[in-house]
Amino acid sequence: MSEQKAKPPKKRGKVTIDEKRCKGCWYCIEYCPTKVLQVSEHLNEKGYHPPKLVEEPPNKVCIACHLCELYCPDFAIIVEEIK
C-alpha cells in the first residue's frame, strides 16, 4: 500500500480579517473545514482575541468555501477567490 500525497485544492481563497470589527466569537474558527483559522495571541481594540490565518500548504489552505464569511455575525471576514 503506497502513501498518497495530498493534492492542493483547485479553488483557493484569500482571507481578510477586519480585527476592529471582531468580537471574538470564533465561529469562523469552529466551522472552517480546513482549519486555517486560529485564535491570535494579541487583543484587538475591543479586548478580544481575533482569528488569524495560518496556512500550511498543501493540506491546510483556504479553499474559498466562504463559511467563515457566512458565520461571522460582525461581517469581519472577507474571502476572495484566487487562482
C-alpha atoms as a PDB file:
ATOM      1  CA  MET A   1       0.000   0.000   0.000  1.00  0.00           C
ATOM      2  CA  SER A   2       1.517   3.325  -1.018  1.00  0.00           C
ATOM      3  CA  GLU A   3       1.025   6.629   0.728  1.00  0.00           C
ATOM      4  CA  GLN A   4      -0.969   9.191  -1.183  1.00  0.00           C
ATOM      5  CA  LYS A   5       0.257  12.744  -1.191  1.00  0.00           C
ATOM      6  CA  ALA A   6      -2.308  15.437  -0.534  1.00  0.00           C
ATOM      7  CA  LYS A   7      -3.150  17.370  -3.654  1.00  0.00           C
ATOM      8  CA  PRO A   8      -3.611  21.135  -3.424  1.00  0.00           C
ATOM      9  CA  PRO A   9      -7.221  22.243  -3.817  1.00  0.00           C
ATOM     10  CA  LYS A  10      -8.414  23.512  -7.168  1.00  0.00           C
ATOM     11  CA  LYS A  11     -10.065  26.576  -5.660  1.00  0.00           C
ATOM     12  CA  ARG A  12      -8.130  28.836  -3.252  1.00  0.00           C
ATOM     13  CA  GLY A  13      -9.090  31.816  -1.176  1.00  0.00           C
ATOM     14  CA  LYS A  14      -7.523  34.933   0.262  1.00  0.00           C
ATOM     15  CA  VAL A  15      -8.882  35.704   3.746  1.00  0.00           C
ATOM     16  CA  THR A  16      -9.027  39.276   5.020  1.00  0.00           C
ATOM     17  CA  ILE A  17      -9.906  39.792   8.689  1.00  0.00           C
ATOM     18  CA  ASP A  18     -11.067  43.177   9.974  1.00  0.00           C
ATOM     19  CA  GLU A  19      -9.801  42.856  13.540  1.00  0.00           C
ATOM     20  CA  LYS A  20     -11.545  46.063  14.641  1.00  0.00           C
ATOM     21  CA  ARG A  21     -14.969  44.513  13.946  1.00  0.00           C
ATOM     22  CA  CYS A  22     -14.247  41.125  15.544  1.00  0.00           C
ATOM     23  CA  LYS A  23     -15.855  40.338  18.907  1.00  0.00           C
ATOM     24  CA  GLY A  24     -14.090  37.013  19.413  1.00  0.00           C
ATOM     25  CA  CYS A  25     -16.998  34.602  18.910  1.00  0.00           C
ATOM     26  CA  TRP A  26     -14.695  32.292  16.908  1.00  0.00           C
ATOM     27  CA  TYR A  27     -17.496  30.822  14.780  1.00  0.00           C
ATOM     28  CA  CYS A  28     -15.122  31.230  11.836  1.00  0.00           C
ATOM     29  CA  ILE A  29     -12.532  29.049  13.548  1.00  0.00           C
ATOM     30  CA  GLU A  30     -15.056  26.415  14.592  1.00  0.00           C
ATOM     31  CA  TYR A  31     -16.656  25.990  11.168  1.00  0.00           C
ATOM     32  CA  CYS A  32     -13.570  26.227   8.931  1.00  0.00           C
ATOM     33  CA  PRO A  33     -13.315  22.841   7.164  1.00  0.00           C
ATOM     34  CA  THR A  34      -9.566  23.121   6.561  1.00  0.00           C
ATOM     35  CA  LYS A  35      -8.758  24.668   9.974  1.00  0.00           C
ATOM     36  CA  VAL A  36      -6.718  27.555   8.575  1.00  0.00           C
ATOM     37  CA  LEU A  37      -8.039  29.998  11.170  1.00  0.00           C
ATOM     38  CA  GLN A  38      -6.720  30.045  14.729  1.00  0.00           C
ATOM     39  CA  VAL A  39      -7.077  32.313  17.755  1.00  0.00           C
ATOM     40  CA  SER A  40      -4.404  35.006  17.744  1.00  0.00           C
ATOM     41  CA  GLU A  41      -2.367  35.872  20.809  1.00  0.00           C
ATOM     42  CA  HIS A  42      -2.955  39.623  20.671  1.00  0.00           C
ATOM     43  CA  LEU A  43      -6.059  41.596  21.605  1.00  0.00           C
ATOM     44  CA  ASN A  44      -7.945  43.947  19.308  1.00  0.00           C
ATOM     45  CA  GLU A  45      -9.032  47.399  20.488  1.00  0.00           C
ATOM     46  CA  LYS A  46     -12.268  45.920  21.924  1.00  0.00           C
ATOM     47  CA  GLY A  47     -10.260  43.495  24.063  1.00  0.00           C
ATOM     48  CA  TYR A  48     -10.996  40.318  22.076  1.00  0.00           C
ATOM     49  CA  HIS A  49      -8.633  37.797  20.506  1.00  0.00           C
ATOM     50  CA  PRO A  50      -9.404  37.921  16.769  1.00  0.00           C
ATOM     51  CA  PRO A  51      -8.696  34.974  14.475  1.00  0.00           C
ATOM     52  CA  LYS A  52      -5.520  34.734  12.435  1.00  0.00           C
ATOM     53  CA  LEU A  53      -4.843  32.893   9.199  1.00  0.00           C
ATOM     54  CA  VAL A  54      -2.379  30.010   9.432  1.00  0.00           C
ATOM     55  CA  GLU A  55      -1.879  28.184   6.140  1.00  0.00           C
ATOM     56  CA  GLU A  56       0.445  25.223   5.745  1.00  0.00           C
ATOM     57  CA  PRO A  57       0.314  24.074   2.111  1.00  0.00           C
ATOM     58  CA  PRO A  58      -0.729  21.679   0.704  1.00  0.00           C
ATOM     59  CA  ASN A  59      -3.000  20.341   3.480  1.00  0.00           C
ATOM     60  CA  LYS A  60      -4.062  23.459   5.381  1.00  0.00           C
ATOM     61  CA  VAL A  61      -5.063  26.062   2.818  1.00  0.00           C
ATOM     62  CA  CYS A  62      -8.150  28.206   2.369  1.00  0.00           C
ATOM     63  CA  ILE A  63     -10.437  26.542  -0.180  1.00  0.00           C
ATOM     64  CA  ALA A  64     -12.691  29.603  -0.594  1.00  0.00           C
ATOM     65  CA  CYS A  65     -15.752  27.871   0.827  1.00  0.00           C
ATOM     66  CA  HIS A  66     -16.856  31.205   2.376  1.00  0.00           C
ATOM     67  CA  LEU A  67     -18.157  29.526   5.559  1.00  0.00           C
ATOM     68  CA  CYS A  68     -16.189  31.902   7.792  1.00  0.00           C
ATOM     69  CA  GLU A  69     -17.783  34.833   5.968  1.00  0.00           C
ATOM     70  CA  LEU A  70     -21.263  33.366   6.300  1.00  0.00           C
ATOM     71  CA  TYR A  71     -20.985  32.553  10.014  1.00  0.00           C
ATOM     72  CA  CYS A  72     -19.349  35.819  11.095  1.00  0.00           C
ATOM     73  CA  PRO A  73     -22.074  37.870  12.826  1.00  0.00           C
ATOM     74  CA  ASP A  74     -19.985  41.043  12.598  1.00  0.00           C
ATOM     75  CA  PHE A  75     -19.043  40.828   8.910  1.00  0.00           C
ATOM     76  CA  ALA A  76     -15.384  40.934   9.949  1.00  0.00           C
ATOM     77  CA  ILE A  77     -14.161  38.413   7.355  1.00  0.00           C
ATOM     78  CA  ILE A  78     -13.961  38.641   3.574  1.00  0.00           C
ATOM     79  CA  VAL A  79     -12.866  35.761   1.349  1.00  0.00           C
ATOM     80  CA  GLU A  80     -11.724  36.416  -2.198  1.00  0.00           C
ATOM     81  CA  GLU A  81     -11.296  33.545  -4.636  1.00  0.00           C
ATOM     82  CA  ILE A  82      -7.843  33.379  -6.230  1.00  0.00           C
ATOM     83  CA  LYS A  83      -6.400  31.093  -8.878  1.00  0.00           C
END
